[in-house]
Amino acid sequence: MAAAVALAAASPAHAATEIAWWHAMSGQLGRQLEKLASDFNATQSEFRIVPSYKGNYTETVTAAIFAFRSRGQPAIVQVNEIATATMMAAKGATYPVFELMRDEAEGFSPTAYLPAVTGYYTDIDGNMLSFPFNASTPILYYNKDLFRAAGLDPEMAPKTWSEVGAAAKRLRAAGAACGFTTAWPSWIHIENFSAYHNLPIATKANGLGGLDAVLTFNNPPTVRNIAQLAEWQTTKVFDYSGRATSAEPRFQNGECGIFIGSSATRADIRANSKFEIGYGMLPYWPDVEGAPQNTIIGGATLWVLRDRPREEYKGVAKFFAFLSKPEVQAAWHQNTGYLPITRAAFDLTRAQGFYDRNPGAAISIEQMTLKPPTENSKGLRLGSFVLIRDVIDDELEQAFSGKKTAQAALDSAVERGNRLLRQFERSNPDR
């Protein structure tokens, strides 16, 4: 017996099952993500979530696809919201979250999550296919110090596009290098502009109703908005800064007085800006009927990939249950600017007085829930939309540089995008 006890004491402890989580978050957001993993790991000893940064969203998804082919895929991969249709088409490669949670007997109720978020990631029967993780929406940021220098009211965010233009002109006259700039051109100026003005991006409820959707965003209000931006571009009242997040440093270093970007940029802006920051809702044109409506989400979701050991899936389910806890979601929301994915997390954040202490922090939620969503503002689910967004950005650049009129650019974007939709439809005949 003594020998047996000694042998047991000398034996190594049972190693925790490691679960690979590939993600696309760097900087302050990446550090918050790693904290989620370490916090979960500290709650138990059976599983260990191992996050790995794989580049931007496209690079992360591409890496996962190649890894799947060589059977080296992670259990969890972070995928941006516009790739949902593509992931849904990858039958046999994904393990739907509602099935995972059921199979592992983990408590999971889709009704606990905000409908504005989960609508992107559910099937026609309301089953959640992936786990909503980081959801954001575009909001307006402004430099209060530059507003004061330009004689503008630092406590009053511009609400309409006309007010943005007028404020930006004042900022330029006061010496600002650029009046305003924006991140994510397609997401802000086509996708969210359309939702906020209750305009369709495509037929079939923006693709949520079927693969045979047709793009329709070359309509008069959207054309007018792009034409106005192109006109402002000539005097740097508006100054195009490039795709994705390339505009963010120009606001953080005080070059541009107004910036429209993701609500989740709030953490980095607060960490890197040396001026007082103001916040506002997305601008709108008040003469467009129904505006402002509500904005839609950006961000990403967590997909579970098949063909991993069963033990890993048990740990994934427990990790998702951990991420759903109100206190976890509330901290994530408060530290990043991403939306809380559950109503309980939103209520907890409010009860904790966070919104009272941090004016502007609730703007993203207020904007998302401004009105009950319509078919035009629920979101979108269009095949190959990662490629379509590149097409839109390309055509917007043609308009902003003066090489094409706004109408010609959007007509071309619709034509090129519809070709990609038809290719996707032909390659997925059984959906």
Protein backbone atom coordinates (compact mmCIF):
# COMPACT_ATOMS: atom_id res chain seq x y z
CA MET A 1 0.00 0.00 0.00
CA ALA A 2 2.83 2.41 0.88
CA ALA A 3 4.49 1.66 -2.46
CA ALA A 4 1.24 2.30 -4.30
CA VAL A 5 0.74 5.62 -2.55
CA ALA A 6 4.32 6.64 -3.34
CA LEU A 7 3.86 5.67 -6.99
CA ALA A 8 0.65 7.67 -7.25
CA ALA A 9 2.30 10.70 -5.69
CA ALA A 10 5.16 10.46 -8.18
CA SER A 11 2.84 10.14 -11.20
CA PRO A 12 2.23 13.36 -13.15
CA ALA A 13 -1.17 15.02 -12.75
CA HIS A 14 -3.70 14.42 -15.50
CA ALA A 15 -2.96 16.93 -18.25
CA ALA A 16 -5.74 19.32 -19.18
CA THR A 17 -7.30 18.82 -22.62
CA GLU A 18 -6.08 21.65 -24.83
CA ILE A 19 -8.60 23.34 -27.11
CA ALA A 20 -7.29 25.47 -29.98
CA TRP A 21 -9.09 28.77 -30.61
CA TRP A 22 -7.98 30.61 -33.75
CA HIS A 23 -8.90 34.29 -33.79
CA ALA A 24 -8.39 37.59 -35.61
CA MET A 25 -7.97 40.05 -32.74
CA SER A 26 -4.81 42.04 -32.09
CA GLY A 27 -3.91 44.98 -29.86
CA GLN A 28 -6.13 45.84 -26.91
CA LEU A 29 -8.94 43.61 -28.19
CA GLY A 30 -6.55 40.67 -28.48
CA ARG A 31 -5.48 41.18 -24.88
CA GLN A 32 -9.11 41.18 -23.74
CA LEU A 33 -9.72 37.97 -25.70
CA GLU A 34 -6.73 36.28 -24.10
CA LYS A 35 -8.06 37.35 -20.69
CA LEU A 36 -11.34 35.54 -21.43
CA ALA A 37 -9.42 32.36 -22.16
CA SER A 38 -7.23 32.63 -19.06
CA ASP A 39 -10.22 33.46 -16.86
CA PHE A 40 -12.03 30.34 -18.08
CA ASN A 41 -8.92 28.21 -17.64
CA ALA A 42 -8.66 29.41 -14.04
CA THR A 43 -12.19 28.19 -13.23
CA GLN A 44 -11.36 24.53 -13.78
CA SER A 45 -8.46 22.17 -14.49
CA GLU A 46 -9.99 19.78 -17.03
CA PHE A 47 -9.68 21.98 -20.13
CA ARG A 48 -7.34 24.68 -21.39
CA ILE A 49 -8.42 27.10 -24.09
CA VAL A 50 -5.39 28.06 -26.21
CA PRO A 51 -6.00 31.20 -28.29
CA SER A 52 -3.88 31.81 -31.40
CA TYR A 53 -3.89 34.99 -33.48
CA LYS A 54 -4.00 34.13 -37.20
CA GLY A 55 -4.20 37.56 -38.82
CA ASN A 56 -7.29 39.43 -40.02
CA TYR A 57 -10.66 37.74 -40.49
CA THR A 58 -9.96 36.59 -44.05
CA GLU A 59 -6.55 35.24 -43.11
CA THR A 60 -7.99 33.42 -40.08
CA VAL A 61 -10.77 31.74 -42.05
CA THR A 62 -8.37 30.83 -44.87
CA ALA A 63 -5.95 29.29 -42.38
CA ALA A 64 -8.76 27.23 -40.85
CA ILE A 65 -9.89 25.97 -44.27
CA PHE A 66 -6.39 24.85 -45.21
CA ALA A 67 -5.90 23.29 -41.78
CA PHE A 68 -9.16 21.36 -42.13
CA ARG A 69 -7.94 19.84 -45.37
CA SER A 70 -4.81 18.60 -43.62
CA ARG A 71 -6.78 17.55 -40.52
CA GLY A 72 -5.01 20.12 -38.36
CA GLN A 73 -8.02 22.38 -37.79
CA PRO A 74 -8.77 24.05 -34.45
CA ALA A 75 -11.91 23.24 -32.49
CA ILE A 76 -12.98 26.92 -32.53
CA VAL A 77 -12.45 29.55 -35.21
CA GLN A 78 -13.54 33.19 -35.18
CA VAL A 79 -15.36 34.10 -38.42
CA ASN A 80 -16.65 37.52 -39.42
CA GLU A 81 -20.39 37.97 -39.78
CA ILE A 82 -20.41 38.41 -43.56
CA ALA A 83 -18.94 34.93 -44.04
CA THR A 84 -21.96 33.27 -42.40
CA ALA A 85 -23.48 32.10 -45.69
CA THR A 86 -20.13 30.64 -46.73
CA MET A 87 -19.79 28.75 -43.43
CA MET A 88 -23.37 27.48 -43.70
CA ALA A 89 -22.51 26.08 -47.11
CA ALA A 90 -19.54 24.17 -45.70
CA LYS A 91 -21.63 21.15 -44.78
CA GLY A 92 -19.79 18.48 -42.85
CA ALA A 93 -17.09 20.91 -41.72
CA THR A 94 -19.00 22.71 -38.96
CA TYR A 95 -20.66 21.49 -35.78
CA PRO A 96 -23.75 23.68 -35.20
CA VAL A 97 -23.63 25.25 -31.76
CA PHE A 98 -27.22 24.33 -30.89
CA GLU A 99 -26.34 20.66 -31.56
CA LEU A 100 -23.09 20.90 -29.60
CA MET A 101 -24.77 22.36 -26.52
CA ARG A 102 -27.57 19.79 -26.72
CA ASP A 103 -25.15 16.89 -27.16
CA GLU A 104 -23.06 18.04 -24.21
CA ALA A 105 -26.13 18.80 -22.05
CA GLU A 106 -25.03 22.38 -21.39
CA GLY A 107 -27.74 24.91 -20.60
CA PHE A 108 -28.35 27.01 -23.68
CA SER A 109 -31.35 29.17 -24.55
CA PRO A 110 -31.25 31.28 -27.74
CA THR A 111 -33.93 33.55 -26.26
CA ALA A 112 -31.37 34.83 -23.73
CA TYR A 113 -29.39 36.47 -26.53
CA LEU A 114 -30.21 39.79 -28.19
CA PRO A 115 -32.26 39.18 -31.36
CA ALA A 116 -30.37 41.92 -33.22
CA VAL A 117 -27.25 39.81 -32.78
CA THR A 118 -28.50 36.24 -33.09
CA GLY A 119 -30.51 36.86 -36.25
CA TYR A 120 -27.30 36.74 -38.23
CA TYR A 121 -26.32 33.33 -36.93
CA THR A 122 -29.52 31.29 -36.84
CA ASP A 123 -31.15 29.06 -39.44
CA ILE A 124 -34.70 29.42 -40.69
CA ASP A 125 -35.97 27.48 -37.66
CA GLY A 126 -34.20 29.79 -35.20
CA ASN A 127 -31.39 27.35 -34.33
CA MET A 128 -28.08 29.03 -33.53
CA LEU A 129 -25.39 27.72 -35.86
CA SER A 130 -22.48 29.56 -34.29
CA PHE A 131 -21.81 31.34 -31.03
CA PRO A 132 -22.16 35.16 -31.16
CA PHE A 133 -18.94 36.56 -29.80
CA ASN A 134 -17.93 40.07 -30.78
CA ALA A 135 -20.77 42.16 -32.16
CA SER A 136 -20.32 45.82 -32.98
CA THR A 137 -22.04 48.58 -34.91
CA PRO A 138 -20.65 51.81 -36.37
CA ILE A 139 -20.87 54.98 -34.29
CA LEU A 140 -19.49 58.51 -34.57
CA TYR A 141 -16.46 59.66 -32.57
CA TYR A 142 -15.28 63.25 -32.40
CA ASN A 143 -12.37 65.20 -30.96
CA LYS A 144 -13.79 67.62 -28.38
CA ASP A 145 -10.54 69.59 -28.24
CA LEU A 146 -10.66 70.25 -31.99
CA PHE A 147 -14.36 71.10 -31.74
CA ARG A 148 -13.57 73.77 -29.13
CA ALA A 149 -10.76 75.17 -31.28
CA ALA A 150 -13.15 75.40 -34.25
CA GLY A 151 -15.85 77.14 -32.21
CA LEU A 152 -18.12 74.08 -32.24
CA ASP A 153 -20.12 72.88 -29.24
CA PRO A 154 -18.00 70.05 -27.77
CA GLU A 155 -21.06 68.53 -26.07
CA MET A 156 -23.11 68.29 -29.26
CA ALA A 157 -22.38 65.47 -31.71
CA PRO A 158 -23.51 66.12 -35.29
CA LYS A 159 -26.62 64.06 -35.98
CA THR A 160 -27.24 64.35 -39.73
CA TRP A 161 -24.91 64.11 -42.70
CA SER A 162 -25.47 67.82 -43.36
CA GLU A 163 -24.37 68.60 -39.79
CA VAL A 164 -21.31 66.38 -40.21
CA GLY A 165 -20.38 68.26 -43.37
CA ALA A 166 -20.87 71.66 -41.72
CA ALA A 167 -18.81 70.68 -38.66
CA ALA A 168 -16.08 69.20 -40.84
CA LYS A 169 -15.85 72.42 -42.85
CA ARG A 170 -15.40 74.38 -39.62
CA LEU A 171 -12.70 71.94 -38.51
CA ARG A 172 -10.85 72.36 -41.80
CA ALA A 173 -11.09 76.15 -41.57
CA ALA A 174 -9.57 75.93 -38.07
CA GLY A 175 -6.57 74.03 -39.40
CA ALA A 176 -7.51 70.33 -39.11
CA ALA A 177 -5.82 68.21 -41.78
CA CYS A 178 -9.13 66.48 -42.50
CA GLY A 179 -12.66 67.13 -41.35
CA PHE A 180 -13.84 63.55 -41.04
CA THR A 181 -12.91 60.08 -42.16
CA THR A 182 -14.39 56.61 -41.83
CA ALA A 183 -13.31 53.00 -41.47
CA TRP A 184 -14.78 49.97 -43.29
CA PRO A 185 -16.20 51.75 -46.39
CA SER A 186 -18.74 49.12 -47.49
CA TRP A 187 -19.87 48.26 -43.96
CA ILE A 188 -20.54 51.89 -43.07
CA HIS A 189 -21.53 53.56 -46.34
CA ILE A 190 -23.50 50.74 -47.97
CA GLU A 191 -24.55 48.10 -45.43
CA ASN A 192 -25.28 50.27 -42.41
CA PHE A 193 -26.29 53.31 -44.43
CA SER A 194 -28.95 51.15 -46.07
CA ALA A 195 -30.22 49.64 -42.81
CA TYR A 196 -30.26 53.03 -41.04
CA HIS A 197 -32.33 54.51 -43.88
CA ASN A 198 -34.57 51.43 -44.15
CA LEU A 199 -33.32 50.70 -47.66
CA PRO A 200 -32.73 47.19 -49.04
CA ILE A 201 -29.21 46.05 -49.87
CA ALA A 202 -30.66 43.14 -51.83
CA THR A 203 -33.92 41.36 -52.52
CA LYS A 204 -35.09 38.34 -50.49
CA ALA A 205 -34.78 40.29 -47.21
CA ASN A 206 -31.11 41.02 -47.91
CA GLY A 207 -30.50 37.36 -48.69
CA LEU A 208 -31.98 35.97 -45.46
CA GLY A 209 -34.84 34.63 -47.58
CA GLY A 210 -32.84 32.67 -50.13
CA LEU A 211 -29.75 32.34 -52.30
CA ASP A 212 -31.43 33.91 -55.32
CA ALA A 213 -31.16 37.42 -53.85
CA VAL A 214 -30.21 40.30 -56.14
CA LEU A 215 -28.24 43.37 -55.03
CA THR A 216 -30.19 46.65 -55.23
CA PHE A 217 -28.13 49.24 -53.34
CA ASN A 218 -27.63 51.49 -56.41
CA ASN A 219 -30.72 53.47 -55.38
CA PRO A 220 -31.08 57.28 -55.33
CA PRO A 221 -30.48 57.90 -51.57
CA THR A 222 -27.32 55.77 -51.50
CA VAL A 223 -26.04 57.28 -54.74
CA ARG A 224 -26.65 60.77 -53.33
CA ASN A 225 -24.69 59.98 -50.19
CA ILE A 226 -21.69 58.62 -52.09
CA ALA A 227 -21.81 61.61 -54.44
CA GLN A 228 -21.76 63.96 -51.44
CA LEU A 229 -18.78 62.18 -49.91
CA ALA A 230 -16.94 62.40 -53.26
CA GLU A 231 -17.63 66.13 -53.43
CA TRP A 232 -16.39 66.65 -49.86
CA GLN A 233 -13.31 64.60 -50.70
CA THR A 234 -12.07 67.33 -53.07
CA THR A 235 -11.49 69.73 -50.14
CA LYS A 236 -10.75 67.10 -47.47
CA VAL A 237 -13.93 67.92 -45.61
CA PHE A 238 -14.21 64.16 -45.98
CA ASP A 239 -10.91 62.38 -46.52
CA TYR A 240 -10.90 58.73 -47.56
CA SER A 241 -8.30 56.82 -45.57
CA GLY A 242 -8.47 53.33 -47.05
CA ARG A 243 -10.12 50.02 -46.30
CA ALA A 244 -10.77 48.16 -43.05
CA THR A 245 -9.34 50.01 -40.01
CA SER A 246 -6.73 52.16 -41.78
CA ALA A 247 -8.59 55.36 -40.83
CA GLU A 248 -8.39 54.80 -37.07
CA PRO A 249 -4.84 56.15 -36.46
CA ARG A 250 -5.72 59.39 -38.24
CA PHE A 251 -8.37 60.10 -35.64
CA GLN A 252 -6.29 58.89 -32.70
CA ASN A 253 -3.37 61.17 -33.59
CA GLY A 254 -5.64 64.22 -33.93
CA GLU A 255 -5.42 64.53 -37.70
CA CYS A 256 -9.18 64.16 -38.35
CA GLY A 257 -11.75 65.78 -36.08
CA ILE A 258 -14.57 63.29 -36.72
CA PHE A 259 -14.32 59.55 -37.24
CA ILE A 260 -17.01 56.97 -37.99
CA GLY A 261 -16.00 53.44 -37.10
CA SER A 262 -16.82 50.38 -35.06
CA SER A 263 -18.15 50.77 -31.53
CA ALA A 264 -15.49 48.21 -30.63
CA THR A 265 -12.76 50.69 -31.56
CA ARG A 266 -13.65 52.51 -28.35
CA ALA A 267 -11.07 50.61 -26.31
CA ASP A 268 -8.18 51.43 -28.65
CA ILE A 269 -9.29 55.03 -29.13
CA ARG A 270 -9.43 55.62 -25.39
CA ALA A 271 -6.05 53.96 -24.92
CA ASN A 272 -4.26 55.81 -27.72
CA SER A 273 -5.85 59.28 -27.94
CA LYS A 274 -4.53 62.28 -26.01
CA PHE A 275 -7.70 64.37 -26.26
CA GLU A 276 -11.24 64.35 -24.90
CA ILE A 277 -13.49 62.09 -26.95
CA GLY A 278 -17.13 62.62 -27.82
CA TYR A 279 -19.58 60.04 -29.15
CA GLY A 280 -22.63 60.17 -31.37
CA MET A 281 -24.94 57.99 -33.43
CA LEU A 282 -24.44 57.25 -37.10
CA PRO A 283 -25.46 60.26 -39.23
CA TYR A 284 -28.54 60.10 -41.46
CA TRP A 285 -30.37 62.11 -44.11
CA PRO A 286 -33.61 63.28 -42.44
CA ASP A 287 -35.47 63.60 -45.75
CA VAL A 288 -35.25 59.83 -46.37
CA GLU A 289 -38.51 58.33 -45.16
CA GLY A 290 -38.10 56.10 -42.10
CA ALA A 291 -34.62 57.36 -41.19
CA PRO A 292 -33.14 56.80 -38.74
CA GLN A 293 -34.18 53.14 -38.49
CA ASN A 294 -31.59 50.93 -36.77
CA THR A 295 -28.06 49.87 -37.58
CA ILE A 296 -26.85 46.31 -38.05
CA ILE A 297 -23.95 44.44 -36.55
CA GLY A 298 -20.45 43.76 -37.63
CA GLY A 299 -17.88 41.70 -35.86
CA ALA A 300 -17.63 37.95 -35.70
CA THR A 301 -18.89 34.73 -34.29
CA LEU A 302 -17.32 31.48 -33.10
CA TRP A 303 -17.78 28.43 -35.32
CA VAL A 304 -17.02 24.94 -34.08
CA LEU A 305 -15.24 22.67 -36.56
CA ARG A 306 -15.83 18.94 -36.80
CA ASP A 307 -13.41 16.02 -36.59
CA ARG A 308 -11.84 16.95 -33.28
CA PRO A 309 -11.70 14.52 -30.31
CA ARG A 310 -14.99 14.23 -28.40
CA GLU A 311 -13.32 15.40 -25.20
CA GLU A 312 -12.54 18.75 -26.81
CA TYR A 313 -16.19 19.35 -27.62
CA LYS A 314 -17.11 18.87 -23.98
CA GLY A 315 -14.66 21.67 -23.14
CA VAL A 316 -15.92 23.92 -25.97
CA ALA A 317 -19.48 23.62 -24.66
CA LYS A 318 -18.35 24.54 -21.14
CA PHE A 319 -16.38 27.49 -22.54
CA PHE A 320 -19.43 28.80 -24.42
CA ALA A 321 -21.51 28.45 -21.26
CA PHE A 322 -18.84 30.48 -19.44
CA LEU A 323 -18.87 33.18 -22.14
CA SER A 324 -22.64 33.47 -21.76
CA LYS A 325 -22.51 34.38 -18.06
CA PRO A 326 -23.86 37.90 -17.45
CA GLU A 327 -20.80 39.01 -15.48
CA VAL A 328 -18.43 37.74 -18.20
CA GLN A 329 -20.41 39.35 -21.01
CA ALA A 330 -20.80 42.61 -19.07
CA ALA A 331 -17.03 42.86 -18.50
CA TRP A 332 -16.32 42.07 -22.18
CA HIS A 333 -18.80 44.75 -23.28
CA GLN A 334 -17.47 47.35 -20.86
CA ASN A 335 -13.79 46.73 -21.64
CA THR A 336 -14.08 46.58 -25.43
CA GLY A 337 -17.10 48.48 -26.71
CA TYR A 338 -18.58 45.37 -28.27
CA LEU A 339 -22.29 44.84 -27.70
CA PRO A 340 -23.36 42.57 -24.85
CA ILE A 341 -24.83 39.52 -26.54
CA THR A 342 -27.36 38.82 -23.78
CA ARG A 343 -30.09 40.98 -22.28
CA ALA A 344 -28.88 39.98 -18.80
CA ALA A 345 -25.41 41.39 -19.50
CA PHE A 346 -26.90 44.68 -20.71
CA ASP A 347 -29.13 44.92 -17.63
CA LEU A 348 -26.18 44.12 -15.33
CA THR A 349 -24.01 46.77 -16.98
CA ARG A 350 -26.74 49.36 -16.52
CA ALA A 351 -27.31 48.32 -12.89
CA GLN A 352 -23.58 48.66 -12.23
CA GLY A 353 -23.80 52.30 -13.29
CA PHE A 354 -21.38 51.85 -16.18
CA TYR A 355 -23.43 53.95 -18.61
CA ASP A 356 -23.79 56.73 -16.04
CA ARG A 357 -20.03 56.81 -15.51
CA ASN A 358 -19.22 56.50 -19.22
CA PRO A 359 -21.39 58.81 -21.33
CA GLY A 360 -21.72 57.50 -24.87
CA ALA A 361 -21.05 53.87 -23.99
CA ALA A 362 -24.69 52.92 -24.50
CA ILE A 363 -24.95 54.58 -27.91
CA SER A 364 -24.25 51.37 -29.84
CA ILE A 365 -27.08 49.52 -28.08
CA GLU A 366 -29.49 52.43 -28.35
CA GLN A 367 -28.76 52.70 -32.06
CA MET A 368 -29.19 48.97 -32.66
CA THR A 369 -32.54 48.97 -30.88
CA LEU A 370 -33.76 52.39 -32.05
CA LYS A 371 -36.74 50.82 -33.84
CA PRO A 372 -37.96 47.26 -34.35
CA PRO A 373 -35.94 45.88 -37.30
CA THR A 374 -37.52 45.64 -40.73
CA GLU A 375 -36.65 43.31 -43.61
CA ASN A 376 -34.15 45.96 -44.62
CA SER A 377 -32.51 46.29 -41.21
CA LYS A 378 -32.34 42.76 -39.76
CA GLY A 379 -28.97 42.12 -41.33
CA LEU A 380 -27.78 40.33 -44.42
CA ARG A 381 -26.80 36.85 -45.51
CA LEU A 382 -25.31 36.92 -48.98
CA GLY A 383 -22.99 34.31 -50.43
CA SER A 384 -19.38 35.31 -51.13
CA PHE A 385 -19.99 38.61 -49.39
CA VAL A 386 -16.35 38.85 -48.37
CA LEU A 387 -15.58 39.14 -52.09
CA ILE A 388 -18.58 41.39 -52.72
CA ARG A 389 -17.42 43.77 -50.00
CA ASP A 390 -14.06 44.02 -51.78
CA VAL A 391 -15.92 44.86 -55.00
CA ILE A 392 -17.91 47.57 -53.23
CA ASP A 393 -14.78 49.06 -51.65
CA ASP A 394 -13.10 49.06 -55.06
CA GLU A 395 -15.98 50.92 -56.69
CA LEU A 396 -16.30 53.39 -53.80
CA GLU A 397 -12.62 54.22 -54.27
CA GLN A 398 -13.34 54.95 -57.93
CA ALA A 399 -16.04 57.41 -56.87
CA PHE A 400 -13.98 59.05 -54.11
CA SER A 401 -11.05 59.57 -56.48
CA GLY A 402 -13.29 61.14 -59.12
CA LYS A 403 -12.65 58.40 -61.68
CA LYS A 404 -16.34 57.45 -61.76
CA THR A 405 -19.58 59.14 -60.86
CA ALA A 406 -21.33 57.79 -57.79
CA GLN A 407 -24.07 56.30 -59.97
CA ALA A 408 -21.61 54.56 -62.30
CA ALA A 409 -19.60 53.21 -59.36
CA LEU A 410 -22.62 51.76 -57.56
CA ASP A 411 -24.09 50.38 -60.80
CA SER A 412 -20.81 48.60 -61.42
CA ALA A 413 -20.64 47.33 -57.83
CA VAL A 414 -24.15 45.88 -58.13
CA GLU A 415 -23.38 44.26 -61.48
CA ARG A 416 -20.10 42.72 -60.32
CA GLY A 417 -21.60 41.67 -56.99
CA ASN A 418 -24.56 39.97 -58.63
CA ARG A 419 -22.21 37.90 -60.75
CA LEU A 420 -20.56 36.64 -57.56
CA LEU A 421 -23.98 35.87 -56.05
CA ARG A 422 -24.98 33.79 -59.06
CA GLN A 423 -21.69 31.88 -58.91
CA PHE A 424 -22.31 31.12 -55.24
CA GLU A 425 -25.88 30.07 -55.97
CA ARG A 426 -24.75 27.67 -58.73
CA SER A 427 -22.15 26.11 -56.44
CA ASN A 428 -24.72 25.46 -53.71
CA PRO A 429 -27.74 24.04 -55.56
CA ASP A 430 -29.06 22.06 -52.58
CA ARG A 431 -29.41 25.05 -50.24
